[in-house]
């Protein structure tokens, strides 16, 4: 995490209104400017009013296309046979 482009190693780092935070979130980097400091821990819509997201827009459809499809669970019997055939290689006629 960085505060105003300076790396921060402690979670107790002091932040002020106007500071810019840079941090990883999942597979992307977020950049956020602090607009106000909250007085209590509240719901997400209330917290969203306390900062301004400066993260550049990216094309999420390209990331979704590159991701592998989620597994459907246990392979069927025909799937297992196909996997076995692939692992054994081409059948040789003797």
PDB file of N, CA and C in Angstrom:
ATOM      1  N   UNK A   1       0.843  -1.176   0.000  1.00  0.00           N
ATOM      2  CA  UNK A   1       0.000   0.000   0.000  1.00  0.00           C
ATOM      3  C   UNK A   1       0.885   1.234   0.000  1.00  0.00           C
ATOM      4  N   UNK A   2       0.391   2.275  -0.646  1.00  0.00           N
ATOM      5  CA  UNK A   2       1.118   3.543  -0.694  1.00  0.00           C
ATOM      6  C   UNK A   2       0.183   4.681  -0.277  1.00  0.00           C
ATOM      7  N   UNK A   3       0.731   5.634   0.433  1.00  0.00           N
ATOM      8  CA  UNK A   3       0.017   6.861   0.787  1.00  0.00           C
ATOM      9  C   UNK A   3       0.803   8.002   0.165  1.00  0.00           C
ATOM     10  N   UNK A   4       0.167   8.715  -0.746  1.00  0.00           N
ATOM     11  CA  UNK A   4       0.826   9.816  -1.479  1.00  0.00           C
ATOM     12  C   UNK A   4       2.123   9.340  -2.131  1.00  0.00           C
ATOM     13  N   UNK A   5       2.068   8.198  -2.779  1.00  0.00           N
ATOM     14  CA  UNK A   5       3.179   7.578  -3.530  1.00  0.00           C
ATOM     15  C   UNK A   5       4.309   7.057  -2.657  1.00  0.00           C
ATOM     16  N   UNK A   6       4.154   7.064  -1.347  1.00  0.00           N
ATOM     17  CA  UNK A   6       5.184   6.542  -0.450  1.00  0.00           C
ATOM     18  C   UNK A   6       4.724   5.208   0.114  1.00  0.00           C
ATOM     19  N   UNK A   7       5.555   4.180   0.039  1.00  0.00           N
ATOM     20  CA  UNK A   7       5.164   2.873   0.593  1.00  0.00           C
ATOM     21  C   UNK A   7       4.936   2.955   2.104  1.00  0.00           C
ATOM     22  N   UNK A   8       3.906   2.277   2.563  1.00  0.00           N
ATOM     23  CA  UNK A   8       3.566   2.244   3.987  1.00  0.00           C
ATOM     24  C   UNK A   8       3.583   0.789   4.421  1.00  0.00           C
ATOM     25  N   UNK A   9       4.291   0.495   5.499  1.00  0.00           N
ATOM     26  CA  UNK A   9       4.378  -0.888   5.953  1.00  0.00           C
ATOM     27  C   UNK A   9       3.475  -1.174   7.144  1.00  0.00           C
ATOM     28  N   UNK A  10       3.010  -0.140   7.836  1.00  0.00           N
ATOM     29  CA  UNK A  10       2.174  -0.351   9.012  1.00  0.00           C
ATOM     30  C   UNK A  10       0.731   0.059   8.722  1.00  0.00           C
ATOM     31  N   UNK A  11      -0.197  -0.731   9.235  1.00  0.00           N
ATOM     32  CA  UNK A  11      -1.603  -0.417   9.024  1.00  0.00           C
ATOM     33  C   UNK A  11      -2.047   0.767   9.869  1.00  0.00           C
ATOM     34  N   UNK A  12      -1.230   1.207  10.786  1.00  0.00           N
ATOM     35  CA  UNK A  12      -1.574   2.338  11.648  1.00  0.00           C
ATOM     36  C   UNK A  12      -1.121   3.673  11.065  1.00  0.00           C
ATOM     37  N   UNK A  13      -0.780   3.700   9.797  1.00  0.00           N
ATOM     38  CA  UNK A  13      -0.327   4.937   9.173  1.00  0.00           C
ATOM     39  C   UNK A  13      -1.438   5.982   9.227  1.00  0.00           C
ATOM     40  N   UNK A  14      -1.078   7.208   9.534  1.00  0.00           N
ATOM     41  CA  UNK A  14      -2.049   8.291   9.638  1.00  0.00           C
ATOM     42  C   UNK A  14      -2.392   8.803   8.246  1.00  0.00           C
ATOM     43  N   UNK A  15      -3.677   8.937   7.984  1.00  0.00           N
ATOM     44  CA  UNK A  15      -4.120   9.517   6.716  1.00  0.00           C
ATOM     45  C   UNK A  15      -4.919  10.772   7.021  1.00  0.00           C
ATOM     46  N   UNK A  16      -4.928  11.677   6.055  1.00  0.00           N
ATOM     47  CA  UNK A  16      -5.636  12.944   6.195  1.00  0.00           C
ATOM     48  C   UNK A  16      -6.496  13.172   4.959  1.00  0.00           C
ATOM     49  N   UNK A  17      -7.406  14.117   5.060  1.00  0.00           N
ATOM     50  CA  UNK A  17      -8.220  14.493   3.912  1.00  0.00           C
ATOM     51  C   UNK A  17      -7.292  15.003   2.818  1.00  0.00           C
ATOM     52  N   UNK A  18      -7.491  14.500   1.601  1.00  0.00           N
ATOM     53  CA  UNK A  18      -6.660  14.887   0.467  1.00  0.00           C
ATOM     54  C   UNK A  18      -5.566  13.892   0.139  1.00  0.00           C
ATOM     55  N   UNK A  19      -5.287  12.943   1.030  1.00  0.00           N
ATOM     56  CA  UNK A  19      -4.278  11.918   0.760  1.00  0.00           C
ATOM     57  C   UNK A  19      -4.768  10.988  -0.346  1.00  0.00           C
ATOM     58  N   UNK A  20      -3.828  10.463  -1.113  1.00  0.00           N
ATOM     59  CA  UNK A  20      -4.136   9.515  -2.183  1.00  0.00           C
ATOM     60  C   UNK A  20      -3.577   8.162  -1.787  1.00  0.00           C
ATOM     61  N   UNK A  21      -4.452   7.148  -1.752  1.00  0.00           N
ATOM     62  CA  UNK A  21      -4.057   5.781  -1.403  1.00  0.00           C
ATOM     63  C   UNK A  21      -3.972   4.953  -2.672  1.00  0.00           C
ATOM     64  N   UNK A  22      -2.926   4.155  -2.778  1.00  0.00           N
ATOM     65  CA  UNK A  22      -2.752   3.226  -3.893  1.00  0.00           C
ATOM     66  C   UNK A  22      -2.561   1.841  -3.300  1.00  0.00           C
ATOM     67  N   UNK A  23      -3.417   0.885  -3.717  1.00  0.00           N
ATOM     68  CA  UNK A  23      -3.352  -0.453  -3.127  1.00  0.00           C
ATOM     69  C   UNK A  23      -3.878  -1.489  -4.106  1.00  0.00           C
ATOM     70  N   UNK A  24      -3.402  -2.744  -3.973  1.00  0.00           N
ATOM     71  CA  UNK A  24      -3.923  -3.804  -4.841  1.00  0.00           C
ATOM     72  C   UNK A  24      -5.263  -4.300  -4.317  1.00  0.00           C
ATOM     73  N   UNK A  25      -6.169  -4.596  -5.238  1.00  0.00           N
ATOM     74  CA  UNK A  25      -7.454  -5.194  -4.889  1.00  0.00           C
ATOM     75  C   UNK A  25      -7.754  -6.238  -5.949  1.00  0.00           C
ATOM     76  N   UNK A  26      -7.595  -7.493  -5.569  1.00  0.00           N
ATOM     77  CA  UNK A  26      -7.751  -8.564  -6.549  1.00  0.00           C
ATOM     78  C   UNK A  26      -6.619  -8.512  -7.550  1.00  0.00           C
ATOM     79  N   UNK A  27      -6.968  -8.467  -8.825  1.00  0.00           N
ATOM     80  CA  UNK A  27      -5.944  -8.459  -9.865  1.00  0.00           C
ATOM     81  C   UNK A  27      -5.685  -7.060 -10.414  1.00  0.00           C
ATOM     82  N   UNK A  28      -6.229  -6.039  -9.778  1.00  0.00           N
ATOM     83  CA  UNK A  28      -6.018  -4.681 -10.275  1.00  0.00           C
ATOM     84  C   UNK A  28      -5.511  -3.774  -9.161  1.00  0.00           C
ATOM     85  N   UNK A  29      -5.035  -2.595  -9.554  1.00  0.00           N
ATOM     86  CA  UNK A  29      -4.517  -1.597  -8.624  1.00  0.00           C
ATOM     87  C   UNK A  29      -5.559  -0.484  -8.495  1.00  0.00           C
ATOM     88  N   UNK A  30      -5.938  -0.163  -7.257  1.00  0.00           N
ATOM     89  CA  UNK A  30      -6.918   0.905  -6.995  1.00  0.00           C
ATOM     90  C   UNK A  30      -6.186   2.154  -6.539  1.00  0.00           C
ATOM     91  N   UNK A  31      -6.686   3.310  -6.967  1.00  0.00           N
ATOM     92  CA  UNK A  31      -6.177   4.604  -6.550  1.00  0.00           C
ATOM     93  C   UNK A  31      -7.372   5.392  -6.030  1.00  0.00           C
ATOM     94  N   UNK A  32      -7.283   5.828  -4.757  1.00  0.00           N
ATOM     95  CA  UNK A  32      -8.412   6.463  -4.091  1.00  0.00           C
ATOM     96  C   UNK A  32      -7.943   7.734  -3.391  1.00  0.00           C
ATOM     97  N   UNK A  33      -8.715   8.812  -3.527  1.00  0.00           N
ATOM     98  CA  UNK A  33      -8.426  10.057  -2.816  1.00  0.00           C
ATOM     99  C   UNK A  33      -9.392  10.188  -1.642  1.00  0.00           C
ATOM    100  N   UNK A  34      -8.873  10.490  -0.477  1.00  0.00           N
ATOM    101  CA  UNK A  34      -9.689  10.642   0.729  1.00  0.00           C
ATOM    102  C   UNK A  34     -10.362  12.012   0.694  1.00  0.00           C
ATOM    103  N   UNK A  35     -11.695  12.022   0.751  1.00  0.00           N
ATOM    104  CA  UNK A  35     -12.451  13.275   0.752  1.00  0.00           C
ATOM    105  C   UNK A  35     -12.853  13.718   2.149  1.00  0.00           C
ATOM    106  N   UNK A  36     -13.123  12.760   3.021  1.00  0.00           N
ATOM    107  CA  UNK A  36     -13.554  13.070   4.375  1.00  0.00           C
ATOM    108  C   UNK A  36     -13.232  11.871   5.256  1.00  0.00           C
ATOM    109  N   UNK A  37     -13.127  12.090   6.558  1.00  0.00           N
ATOM    110  CA  UNK A  37     -12.867  10.997   7.490  1.00  0.00           C
ATOM    111  C   UNK A  37     -14.166  10.661   8.211  1.00  0.00           C
ATOM    112  N   UNK A  38     -14.477   9.392   8.307  1.00  0.00           N
ATOM    113  CA  UNK A  38     -15.703   8.966   8.963  1.00  0.00           C
ATOM    114  C   UNK A  38     -15.570   9.027  10.476  1.00  0.00           C
ATOM    115  N   UNK A  39     -16.702   9.235  11.139  1.00  0.00           N
ATOM    116  CA  UNK A  39     -16.704   9.261  12.601  1.00  0.00           C
ATOM    117  C   UNK A  39     -17.103   7.914  13.183  1.00  0.00           C
ATOM    118  N   UNK A  40     -17.677   7.050  12.348  1.00  0.00           N
ATOM    119  CA  UNK A  40     -18.097   5.733  12.810  1.00  0.00           C
ATOM    120  C   UNK A  40     -17.967   4.736  11.672  1.00  0.00           C
ATOM    121  N   UNK A  41     -18.028   3.481  12.023  1.00  0.00           N
ATOM    122  CA  UNK A  41     -18.014   2.428  11.012  1.00  0.00           C
ATOM    123  C   UNK A  41     -19.453   2.218  10.574  1.00  0.00           C
ATOM    124  N   UNK A  42     -19.750   2.523   9.333  1.00  0.00           N
ATOM    125  CA  UNK A  42     -21.121   2.472   8.854  1.00  0.00           C
ATOM    126  C   UNK A  42     -21.261   1.609   7.614  1.00  0.00           C
ATOM    127  N   UNK A  43     -22.403   1.693   6.971  1.00  0.00           N
ATOM    128  CA  UNK A  43     -22.664   0.884   5.773  1.00  0.00           C
ATOM    129  C   UNK A  43     -21.830   1.335   4.572  1.00  0.00           C
ATOM    130  N   UNK A  44     -21.695   0.444   3.596  1.00  0.00           N
ATOM    131  CA  UNK A  44     -20.863   0.714   2.417  1.00  0.00           C
ATOM    132  C   UNK A  44     -21.294   1.962   1.646  1.00  0.00           C
ATOM    133  N   UNK A  45     -22.602   2.199   1.425  1.00  0.00           N
ATOM    134  CA  UNK A  45     -22.969   3.423   0.691  1.00  0.00           C
ATOM    135  C   UNK A  45     -22.515   4.700   1.413  1.00  0.00           C
ATOM    136  N   UNK A  46     -22.534   4.673   2.715  1.00  0.00           N
ATOM    137  CA  UNK A  46     -22.064   5.836   3.489  1.00  0.00           C
ATOM    138  C   UNK A  46     -20.545   5.965   3.371  1.00  0.00           C
ATOM    139  N   UNK A  47     -19.849   4.860   3.415  1.00  0.00           N
ATOM    140  CA  UNK A  47     -18.387   4.887   3.296  1.00  0.00           C
ATOM    141  C   UNK A  47     -17.955   5.355   1.909  1.00  0.00           C
ATOM    142  N   UNK A  48     -18.735   5.037   0.889  1.00  0.00           N
ATOM    143  CA  UNK A  48     -18.382   5.429  -0.480  1.00  0.00           C
ATOM    144  C   UNK A  48     -18.398   6.941  -0.662  1.00  0.00           C
ATOM    145  N   UNK A  49     -19.100   7.660   0.196  1.00  0.00           N
ATOM    146  CA  UNK A  49     -19.112   9.123   0.096  1.00  0.00           C
ATOM    147  C   UNK A  49     -17.857   9.754   0.681  1.00  0.00           C
ATOM    148  N   UNK A  50     -17.031   8.966   1.356  1.00  0.00           N
ATOM    149  CA  UNK A  50     -15.841   9.490   2.020  1.00  0.00           C
ATOM    150  C   UNK A  50     -14.601   9.488   1.128  1.00  0.00           C
ATOM    151  N   UNK A  51     -14.682   8.895  -0.063  1.00  0.00           N
ATOM    152  CA  UNK A  51     -13.521   8.849  -0.948  1.00  0.00           C
ATOM    153  C   UNK A  51     -13.951   9.045  -2.391  1.00  0.00           C
ATOM    154  N   UNK A  52     -12.970   9.347  -3.243  1.00  0.00           N
ATOM    155  CA  UNK A  52     -13.186   9.497  -4.681  1.00  0.00           C
ATOM    156  C   UNK A  52     -12.253   8.528  -5.390  1.00  0.00           C
ATOM    157  N   UNK A  53     -12.814   7.661  -6.216  1.00  0.00           N
ATOM    158  CA  UNK A  53     -12.028   6.643  -6.917  1.00  0.00           C
ATOM    159  C   UNK A  53     -11.348   7.265  -8.130  1.00  0.00           C
ATOM    160  N   UNK A  54     -10.015   7.216  -8.161  1.00  0.00           N
ATOM    161  CA  UNK A  54      -9.221   7.764  -9.259  1.00  0.00           C
ATOM    162  C   UNK A  54      -8.657   6.676 -10.171  1.00  0.00           C
ATOM    163  N   UNK A  55      -9.069   5.432  -9.941  1.00  0.00           N
ATOM    164  CA  UNK A  55      -8.557   4.307 -10.713  1.00  0.00           C
ATOM    165  C   UNK A  55      -8.911   4.471 -12.181  1.00  0.00           C
ATOM    166  N   UNK A  56      -7.933   4.351 -13.091  1.00  0.00           N
ATOM    167  CA  UNK A  56      -8.244   4.452 -14.519  1.00  0.00           C
ATOM    168  C   UNK A  56      -9.190   3.329 -14.940  1.00  0.00           C
ATOM    169  N   UNK A  57     -10.098   3.657 -15.821  1.00  0.00           N
ATOM    170  CA  UNK A  57     -11.057   2.662 -16.316  1.00  0.00           C
ATOM    171  C   UNK A  57     -10.325   1.635 -17.165  1.00  0.00           C
ATOM    172  N   UNK A  58     -10.673   0.361 -16.974  1.00  0.00           N
ATOM    173  CA  UNK A  58     -10.093  -0.711 -17.776  1.00  0.00           C
ATOM    174  C   UNK A  58     -11.204  -1.477 -18.449  1.00  0.00           C
ATOM    175  N   UNK A  59     -10.844  -2.235 -19.455  1.00  0.00           N
ATOM    176  CA  UNK A  59     -11.811  -3.051 -20.173  1.00  0.00           C
ATOM    177  C   UNK A  59     -11.945  -4.383 -19.451  1.00  0.00           C
ATOM    178  N   UNK A  60     -12.975  -4.549 -18.628  1.00  0.00           N
ATOM    179  CA  UNK A  60     -13.173  -5.775 -17.865  1.00  0.00           C
ATOM    180  C   UNK A  60     -13.588  -6.947 -18.741  1.00  0.00           C
ATOM    181  N   UNK A  61     -14.120  -6.671 -19.934  1.00  0.00           N
ATOM    182  CA  UNK A  61     -14.542  -7.773 -20.795  1.00  0.00           C
ATOM    183  C   UNK A  61     -13.339  -8.571 -21.288  1.00  0.00           C
ATOM    184  N   UNK A  62     -12.179  -7.923 -21.468  1.00  0.00           N
ATOM    185  CA  UNK A  62     -10.972  -8.639 -21.891  1.00  0.00           C
ATOM    186  C   UNK A  62     -10.488  -9.555 -20.778  1.00  0.00           C
ATOM    187  N   UNK A  63     -10.585  -9.097 -19.527  1.00  0.00           N
ATOM    188  CA  UNK A  63     -10.177  -9.926 -18.398  1.00  0.00           C
ATOM    189  C   UNK A  63     -11.097 -11.129 -18.252  1.00  0.00           C
ATOM    190  N   UNK A  64     -12.381 -10.929 -18.474  1.00  0.00           N
ATOM    191  CA  UNK A  64     -13.341 -12.019 -18.329  1.00  0.00           C
ATOM    192  C   UNK A  64     -13.137 -13.071 -19.419  1.00  0.00           C
ATOM    193  N   UNK A  65     -12.774 -12.633 -20.616  1.00  0.00           N
ATOM    194  CA  UNK A  65     -12.564 -13.583 -21.710  1.00  0.00           C
ATOM    195  C   UNK A  65     -11.310 -14.417 -21.489  1.00  0.00           C
ATOM    196  N   UNK A  66     -10.300 -13.833 -20.824  1.00  0.00           N
ATOM    197  CA  UNK A  66      -9.050 -14.546 -20.597  1.00  0.00           C
ATOM    198  C   UNK A  66      -9.149 -15.535 -19.440  1.00  0.00           C
ATOM    199  N   UNK A  67     -10.118 -15.363 -18.577  1.00  0.00           N
ATOM    200  CA  UNK A  67     -10.261 -16.243 -17.420  1.00  0.00           C
ATOM    201  C   UNK A  67     -10.764 -17.616 -17.858  1.00  0.00           C
ATOM    202  N   UNK A  68     -10.265 -18.641 -17.201  1.00  0.00           N
ATOM    203  CA  UNK A  68     -10.696 -20.001 -17.506  1.00  0.00           C
ATOM    204  C   UNK A  68     -12.106 -20.219 -16.969  1.00  0.00           C
ATOM    205  N   UNK A  69     -12.897 -21.033 -17.644  1.00  0.00           N
ATOM    206  CA  UNK A  69     -14.243 -21.297 -17.141  1.00  0.00           C
ATOM    207  C   UNK A  69     -14.181 -22.054 -15.815  1.00  0.00           C
ATOM    208  N   UNK A  70     -15.157 -21.824 -14.986  1.00  0.00           N
ATOM    209  CA  UNK A  70     -15.201 -22.484 -13.684  1.00  0.00           C
ATOM    210  C   UNK A  70     -15.487 -23.969 -13.867  1.00  0.00           C
ATOM    211  N   UNK A  71     -14.859 -24.807 -13.053  1.00  0.00           N
ATOM    212  CA  UNK A  71     -15.137 -26.242 -13.172  1.00  0.00           C
ATOM    213  C   UNK A  71     -16.586 -26.538 -12.812  1.00  0.00           C
ATOM    214  N   UNK A  72     -17.147 -27.565 -13.486  1.00  0.00           N
ATOM    215  CA  UNK A  72     -18.556 -27.893 -13.282  1.00  0.00           C
ATOM    216  C   UNK A  72     -18.744 -28.947 -12.209  1.00  0.00           C
ATOM    217  N   UNK A  73     -17.696 -29.391 -11.581  1.00  0.00           N
ATOM    218  CA  UNK A  73     -17.817 -30.448 -10.595  1.00  0.00           C
ATOM    219  C   UNK A  73     -17.108 -31.704 -11.078  1.00  0.00           C
ATOM    220  N   UNK A  74     -17.556 -32.840 -10.608  1.00  0.00           N
ATOM    221  CA  UNK A  74     -16.920 -34.110 -10.950  1.00  0.00           C
ATOM    222  C   UNK A  74     -17.161 -34.461 -12.414  1.00  0.00           C
ATOM    223  N   UNK A  75     -16.099 -34.946 -13.105  1.00  0.00           N
ATOM    224  CA  UNK A  75     -16.271 -35.321 -14.507  1.00  0.00           C
ATOM    225  C   UNK A  75     -17.214 -36.521 -14.651  1.00  0.00           C
ATOM    226  N   UNK A  76     -17.926 -36.569 -15.760  1.00  0.00           N
ATOM    227  CA  UNK A  76     -18.794 -37.708 -16.037  1.00  0.00           C
ATOM    228  C   UNK A  76     -17.939 -38.888 -16.479  1.00  0.00           C
ATOM    229  N   UNK A  77     -18.567 -40.034 -16.622  1.00  0.00           N
ATOM    230  CA  UNK A  77     -17.841 -41.234 -17.031  1.00  0.00           C
ATOM    231  C   UNK A  77     -17.221 -41.041 -18.414  1.00  0.00           C
ATOM    232  N   UNK A  78     -17.969 -40.437 -19.334  1.00  0.00           N
ATOM    233  CA  UNK A  78     -17.417 -40.216 -20.677  1.00  0.00           C
ATOM    234  C   UNK A  78     -16.263 -39.212 -20.623  1.00  0.00           C
ATOM    235  N   UNK A  79     -16.349 -38.221 -19.732  1.00  0.00           N
ATOM    236  CA  UNK A  79     -15.235 -37.276 -19.571  1.00  0.00           C
ATOM    237  C   UNK A  79     -13.990 -38.005 -19.069  1.00  0.00           C
ATOM    238  N   UNK A  80     -14.159 -38.887 -18.086  1.00  0.00           N
ATOM    239  CA  UNK A  80     -13.014 -39.628 -17.542  1.00  0.00           C
ATOM    240  C   UNK A  80     -12.388 -40.514 -18.614  1.00  0.00           C
ATOM    241  N   UNK A  81     -13.205 -41.139 -19.441  1.00  0.00           N
ATOM    242  CA  UNK A  81     -12.671 -41.976 -20.531  1.00  0.00           C
ATOM    243  C   UNK A  81     -11.898 -41.126 -21.527  1.00  0.00           C
ATOM    244  N   UNK A  82     -12.393 -39.942 -21.829  1.00  0.00           N
ATOM    245  CA  UNK A  82     -11.695 -39.056 -22.759  1.00  0.00           C
ATOM    246  C   UNK A  82     -10.361 -38.617 -22.178  1.00  0.00           C
ATOM    247  N   UNK A  83     -10.325 -38.340 -20.882  1.00  0.00           N
ATOM    248  CA  UNK A  83      -9.081 -37.966 -20.219  1.00  0.00           C
ATOM    249  C   UNK A  83      -8.083 -39.109 -20.267  1.00  0.00           C
ATOM    250  N   UNK A  84      -8.552 -40.328 -20.032  1.00  0.00           N
ATOM    251  CA  UNK A  84      -7.688 -41.514 -20.085  1.00  0.00           C
ATOM    252  C   UNK A  84      -7.100 -41.686 -21.480  1.00  0.00           C
ATOM    253  N   UNK A  85      -7.934 -41.496 -22.512  1.00  0.00           N
ATOM    254  CA  UNK A  85      -7.448 -41.613 -23.894  1.00  0.00           C
ATOM    255  C   UNK A  85      -6.389 -40.560 -24.192  1.00  0.00           C
ATOM    256  N   UNK A  86      -6.575 -39.350 -23.691  1.00  0.00           N
ATOM    257  CA  UNK A  86      -5.592 -38.305 -23.916  1.00  0.00           C
ATOM    258  C   UNK A  86      -4.262 -38.617 -23.233  1.00  0.00           C
ATOM    259  N   UNK A  87      -4.338 -39.144 -22.003  1.00  0.00           N
ATOM    260  CA  UNK A  87      -3.114 -39.452 -21.264  1.00  0.00           C
ATOM    261  C   UNK A  87      -2.352 -40.611 -21.885  1.00  0.00           C
ATOM    262  N   UNK A  88      -3.042 -41.592 -22.457  1.00  0.00           N
ATOM    263  CA  UNK A  88      -2.386 -42.758 -23.023  1.00  0.00           C
ATOM    264  C   UNK A  88      -1.784 -42.476 -24.391  1.00  0.00           C
ATOM    265  N   UNK A  89      -2.255 -41.493 -25.072  1.00  0.00           N
ATOM    266  CA  UNK A  89      -1.738 -41.183 -26.390  1.00  0.00           C
ATOM    267  C   UNK A  89      -2.434 -42.008 -27.459  1.00  0.00           C
ATOM    268  N   UNK A  90      -1.944 -41.942 -28.680  1.00  0.00           N
ATOM    269  CA  UNK A  90      -2.602 -42.665 -29.778  1.00  0.00           C
ATOM    270  C   UNK A  90      -2.457 -44.186 -29.591  1.00  0.00           C
ATOM    271  N   UNK A  91      -3.522 -44.870 -29.952  1.00  0.00           N
ATOM    272  CA  UNK A  91      -3.514 -46.340 -29.833  1.00  0.00           C
ATOM    273  C   UNK A  91      -2.636 -46.909 -30.934  1.00  0.00           C
ATOM    274  N   UNK A  92      -1.814 -47.879 -30.554  1.00  0.00           N
ATOM    275  CA  UNK A  92      -0.954 -48.502 -31.559  1.00  0.00           C
ATOM    276  C   UNK A  92      -1.552 -49.845 -31.972  1.00  0.00           C
ATOM    277  N   UNK A  93      -1.570 -50.108 -33.263  1.00  0.00           N
ATOM    278  CA  UNK A  93      -2.089 -51.367 -33.791  1.00  0.00           C
ATOM    279  C   UNK A  93      -0.949 -52.372 -33.885  1.00  0.00           C
ATOM    280  N   UNK A  94      -1.031 -53.448 -33.144  1.00  0.00           N
ATOM    281  CA  UNK A  94       0.030 -54.469 -33.169  1.00  0.00           C
ATOM    282  C   UNK A  94      -0.444 -55.687 -33.876  1.00  0.00           C
TER     283      UNK A  94
END
